[in-house]
Every structure is written in structure tokens, then in C-alpha cells.
Amino acid sequence: MCPLFTFDFYRPLFNVTTADVRDRLLESFLPLRSNFFQVMNGKPDLYGPFWVYTSLIFMLAAAGNLSRYLSAHNAEESGVKVHFKYDFNFVPFATSVVYGFGFFFPLVLNCLLNIFGSKTRYIDTLCLYGYATAVFVPVAVLAAIPVSILEWLLLMYAAVNSSLFLMGSLWSELSLYVDQKRFVVITLVGIVQFLFVFIFKLRFFRLIYA
């Protein structure tokens, strides 16, 4: 049987302590402090990224509907008659976007790193990107407040924080192999993270009752 389809293949990726996950999450909120590849120390995990992605999916669905409910409530207080309707499509859409970005983009990053000479594995970039996404979980909760400028500021903060976290680690890794070509990867990271934010804003936090 192919090792990819055995429990033994995945067991080491979930063999982490609570302290390991906590420390890695804290590092993701302090993007300029260290190189995350060094923090992983050759021991990436899928436990943290899996729960980050899953938590973000449910937070987006809940916060997106809460934002619309509060927006509808504010509109009614202003004399506008509206009918709030729970959007059940938020869950499958969030699942597609979060898991899609979360598993596909690290693959793209890994391919670029390997092309430029790095020996980084897919599981390393997947772990890196998973923890980089952690900042979006609390931001999604706060973005439920139906104030457009506040939502934009929070989402922009998440995009900048995650981008700096990714860029810092990738810059350090690429500095060992290439020079000018590093900007290709760094630019791609920035574009993808801000695209991530725009999807969140336009789909989950659009004030349709404003």
C-alpha cells in the first residue's frame, strides 16, 4: 500500500504537544520576531494548521451571519424594514476557500522554493501557511461588528500580519539560495494574502442592509 494512505505516514505530523502548538501560534502573531522554519526545527505538524483552518471556517460562517444580523437590526432601528435570513451557504463556501488556499497555495510555494534550490518539503510550507492563517480567526470574530471601516482595518491587519510572517520565513530561506528571485515569491505571497482578505470581505462581511 502507498505510504500516503497509511496512518503511520500521518502519525508523526500530529505528534505534537500543546506547548508546541501554543508556541507556534504565538510566533505567528509576532511576524518579525523569528524565522518559523527554525521554530519548526525540522518537525512540522498538521495538527495546528488543521484546527486553524477548521476554526476559521466556522468562525467565518458564524461571524458573517452575525454581522448581517446586526446590520439588519441597525437598519430596523433606523426605520428600514428588512428581513434577516441566515446564509447556510457560508459553511461550504468557507470550507472551499480556506481549505483551497490552505492546501494548494503551500504547494505552489513549495514548488517555487524547490525550483530556486531550497530543499523545503511540502509539509514544511503547509505548516508555515497554516500557522500564518491563525491571525484570521480572532479577526473574523471581531469583524462581525457591522462597521465597514472597522472590518476593513481588521482584515487589512490580518493580511499584513500573515504576509509579514510568511515573507520573513521565506526571505530567510531563499537568501540561502537566490537573491533577486526572492522578490517573485514575496510578491506572490502579498498578492495571495490580500486576495484572501478581499474574498472574506466581499462574501462574509458585506453590509447588505447598510
Protein backbone atom coordinates (compact mmCIF):
# COMPACT_ATOMS: atom_id res chain seq x y z
CA MET A 1 0.00 0.00 0.00
CA CYS A 2 1.15 3.53 -0.76
CA PRO A 3 2.54 5.14 2.46
CA LEU A 4 0.38 8.20 1.78
CA PHE A 5 -2.71 6.13 2.61
CA THR A 6 -1.47 4.72 5.91
CA PHE A 7 -1.86 6.03 9.46
CA ASP A 8 1.87 5.59 10.04
CA PHE A 9 2.58 8.25 7.42
CA TYR A 10 0.49 10.90 9.22
CA ARG A 11 1.15 9.94 12.84
CA PRO A 12 4.37 11.99 13.21
CA LEU A 13 2.60 15.05 11.78
CA PHE A 14 0.10 15.01 14.65
CA ASN A 15 2.59 14.03 17.32
CA VAL A 16 2.94 17.46 18.92
CA THR A 17 2.37 18.74 22.43
CA THR A 18 0.04 21.51 23.49
CA ALA A 19 3.12 23.59 24.27
CA ASP A 20 4.46 23.11 20.72
CA VAL A 21 1.19 24.29 19.14
CA ARG A 22 0.88 27.20 21.59
CA ASP A 23 4.41 28.41 20.91
CA ARG A 24 3.94 28.18 17.16
CA LEU A 25 0.65 30.06 17.34
CA LEU A 26 2.29 32.81 19.40
CA GLU A 27 5.08 33.08 16.85
CA SER A 28 2.50 33.63 14.10
CA PHE A 29 1.19 36.73 15.90
CA LEU A 30 4.74 38.15 16.15
CA PRO A 31 5.70 38.03 12.47
CA LEU A 32 9.01 39.90 12.65
CA ARG A 33 10.48 38.05 15.59
CA SER A 34 11.91 34.89 14.08
CA ASN A 35 12.24 32.51 11.15
CA PHE A 36 9.44 29.96 11.51
CA PHE A 37 11.45 27.27 9.75
CA GLN A 38 13.87 27.48 12.66
CA VAL A 39 10.98 27.34 15.13
CA MET A 40 9.74 24.13 13.47
CA ASN A 41 13.26 22.73 13.80
CA GLY A 42 12.59 20.08 11.18
CA LYS A 43 9.41 18.92 12.93
CA PRO A 44 6.40 20.38 11.08
CA ASP A 45 2.93 19.40 12.20
CA LEU A 46 -0.53 19.22 10.67
CA TYR A 47 -2.41 19.34 13.97
CA GLY A 48 -2.14 23.11 14.35
CA PRO A 49 -2.91 24.01 10.73
CA PHE A 50 -5.87 21.60 10.60
CA TRP A 51 -7.52 23.19 13.64
CA VAL A 52 -6.66 26.70 12.46
CA TYR A 53 -8.37 26.06 9.11
CA THR A 54 -11.36 24.32 10.69
CA SER A 55 -11.81 27.01 13.35
CA LEU A 56 -11.58 29.72 10.71
CA ILE A 57 -14.29 28.06 8.61
CA PHE A 58 -16.77 28.02 11.48
CA MET A 59 -15.76 31.50 12.68
CA LEU A 60 -16.33 32.93 9.21
CA ALA A 61 -19.74 31.29 8.87
CA ALA A 62 -20.85 32.39 12.35
CA ALA A 63 -19.33 35.88 12.20
CA GLY A 64 -20.60 36.51 8.68
CA ASN A 65 -24.18 35.72 9.70
CA LEU A 66 -23.84 37.65 12.96
CA SER A 67 -22.59 40.66 11.03
CA ARG A 68 -25.62 40.51 8.74
CA TYR A 69 -27.97 40.07 11.70
CA LEU A 70 -26.55 43.11 13.50
CA SER A 71 -26.63 45.09 10.27
CA ALA A 72 -30.31 44.19 9.79
CA HIS A 73 -31.04 45.12 13.40
CA ASN A 74 -29.39 48.52 12.96
CA ALA A 75 -31.34 49.09 9.74
CA GLU A 76 -34.65 48.32 11.50
CA GLU A 77 -33.80 50.76 14.27
CA SER A 78 -33.30 53.37 11.55
CA GLY A 79 -36.80 52.71 10.26
CA VAL A 80 -35.87 50.45 7.36
CA LYS A 81 -37.85 47.22 7.28
CA VAL A 82 -35.62 44.28 6.44
CA HIS A 83 -35.85 40.53 6.80
CA PHE A 84 -32.71 38.81 8.07
CA LYS A 85 -32.07 35.38 6.61
CA TYR A 86 -29.36 33.00 7.79
CA ASP A 87 -26.98 32.13 4.94
CA PHE A 88 -26.24 28.41 5.18
CA ASN A 89 -24.01 28.65 2.10
CA PHE A 90 -21.34 30.34 4.19
CA VAL A 91 -20.09 26.99 5.53
CA PRO A 92 -19.44 25.21 2.19
CA PHE A 93 -18.06 28.41 0.67
CA ALA A 94 -15.73 29.00 3.64
CA THR A 95 -14.65 25.36 3.50
CA SER A 96 -13.78 25.62 -0.19
CA VAL A 97 -11.87 28.89 0.19
CA VAL A 98 -9.98 28.11 3.40
CA TYR A 99 -9.02 24.54 2.55
CA GLY A 100 -8.38 25.51 -1.08
CA PHE A 101 -5.97 28.32 -0.17
CA GLY A 102 -4.64 26.40 2.82
CA PHE A 103 -3.58 23.29 0.94
CA PHE A 104 -3.00 24.47 -2.64
CA PHE A 105 -1.02 27.68 -2.12
CA PRO A 106 1.62 25.98 0.11
CA LEU A 107 2.08 23.50 -2.76
CA VAL A 108 2.76 26.40 -5.14
CA LEU A 109 5.18 27.94 -2.65
CA ASN A 110 6.96 24.63 -2.21
CA CYS A 111 7.36 24.19 -5.96
CA LEU A 112 8.87 27.67 -6.28
CA LEU A 113 11.21 27.10 -3.36
CA ASN A 114 12.39 23.81 -4.87
CA ILE A 115 12.90 25.43 -8.27
CA PHE A 116 15.09 28.07 -6.63
CA GLY A 117 17.20 25.41 -4.92
CA SER A 118 15.60 25.02 -1.49
CA LYS A 119 15.16 21.56 -0.01
CA THR A 120 11.96 22.58 1.78
CA ARG A 121 9.24 19.94 1.77
CA TYR A 122 5.55 20.47 1.07
CA ILE A 123 4.70 19.64 4.68
CA ASP A 124 7.04 22.46 5.80
CA THR A 125 5.30 25.11 3.71
CA LEU A 126 1.89 23.68 4.65
CA CYS A 127 2.74 24.01 8.34
CA LEU A 128 4.10 27.54 7.77
CA TYR A 129 0.99 28.69 5.89
CA GLY A 130 -1.36 27.02 8.35
CA TYR A 131 0.04 28.95 11.29
CA ALA A 132 0.20 32.13 9.21
CA THR A 133 -3.57 31.85 8.81
CA ALA A 134 -4.16 31.76 12.59
CA VAL A 135 -4.43 35.54 12.85
CA PHE A 136 -7.60 35.45 10.74
CA VAL A 137 -9.52 33.51 13.42
CA PRO A 138 -9.76 36.30 16.07
CA VAL A 139 -10.04 38.89 13.32
CA ALA A 140 -13.09 37.07 11.89
CA VAL A 141 -14.77 37.26 15.31
CA LEU A 142 -14.13 41.00 15.68
CA ALA A 143 -15.14 41.68 12.08
CA ALA A 144 -18.68 40.60 12.98
CA ILE A 145 -19.18 44.18 14.22
CA PRO A 146 -21.07 45.70 11.26
CA VAL A 147 -18.89 48.79 10.76
CA SER A 148 -17.33 48.70 7.32
CA ILE A 149 -14.21 50.74 8.09
CA LEU A 150 -13.52 48.62 11.18
CA GLU A 151 -13.95 45.41 9.18
CA TRP A 152 -11.51 46.68 6.54
CA LEU A 153 -8.95 47.70 9.15
CA LEU A 154 -9.16 44.33 10.91
CA LEU A 155 -8.90 42.35 7.69
CA MET A 156 -6.02 44.50 6.43
CA TYR A 157 -4.23 43.91 9.72
CA ALA A 158 -4.65 40.15 9.28
CA ALA A 159 -3.37 40.34 5.70
CA VAL A 160 -0.32 42.38 6.69
CA ASN A 161 0.45 40.23 9.75
CA SER A 162 0.20 36.95 7.84
CA SER A 163 2.14 38.34 4.87
CA LEU A 164 4.99 39.56 7.07
CA PHE A 165 5.07 36.23 8.89
CA LEU A 166 5.32 34.33 5.60
CA MET A 167 7.71 36.79 3.99
CA GLY A 168 10.10 36.77 6.94
CA SER A 169 10.48 33.00 6.92
CA LEU A 170 10.55 32.66 3.14
CA TRP A 171 13.05 35.53 2.75
CA SER A 172 15.42 33.86 5.20
CA GLU A 173 15.05 30.52 3.45
CA LEU A 174 15.53 31.92 -0.05
CA SER A 175 18.52 34.03 0.99
CA LEU A 176 20.48 30.76 1.18
CA TYR A 177 19.91 30.01 -2.50
CA VAL A 178 18.86 33.01 -4.61
CA ASP A 179 18.98 36.78 -4.50
CA GLN A 180 16.80 38.79 -6.90
CA LYS A 181 14.34 35.95 -7.50
CA ARG A 182 13.24 36.18 -3.87
CA PHE A 183 11.02 39.11 -4.83
CA VAL A 184 8.95 36.85 -7.09
CA VAL A 185 7.94 34.68 -4.13
CA ILE A 186 7.49 37.62 -1.75
CA THR A 187 5.27 39.48 -4.24
CA LEU A 188 3.17 36.37 -4.83
CA VAL A 189 2.65 35.95 -1.08
CA GLY A 190 1.43 39.53 -0.72
CA ILE A 191 -0.98 39.23 -3.65
CA VAL A 192 -2.47 35.95 -2.39
CA GLN A 193 -2.94 37.17 1.18
CA PHE A 194 -4.73 40.33 0.11
CA LEU A 195 -6.88 38.34 -2.31
CA PHE A 196 -7.76 36.14 0.66
CA VAL A 197 -8.93 39.25 2.54
CA PHE A 198 -10.99 40.65 -0.32
CA ILE A 199 -12.85 37.35 -0.66
CA PHE A 200 -13.61 37.40 3.07
CA LYS A 201 -14.85 40.98 2.99
CA LEU A 202 -17.00 40.71 -0.12
CA ARG A 203 -18.54 37.35 0.76
CA PHE A 204 -18.84 37.24 4.55
CA PHE A 205 -18.77 40.84 5.73
CA ARG A 206 -20.63 42.72 3.02
CA LEU A 207 -23.14 45.03 4.74
CA ILE A 208 -26.15 44.22 2.56
CA TYR A 209 -28.51 46.02 4.94
CA ALA A 210 -26.41 49.19 5.26
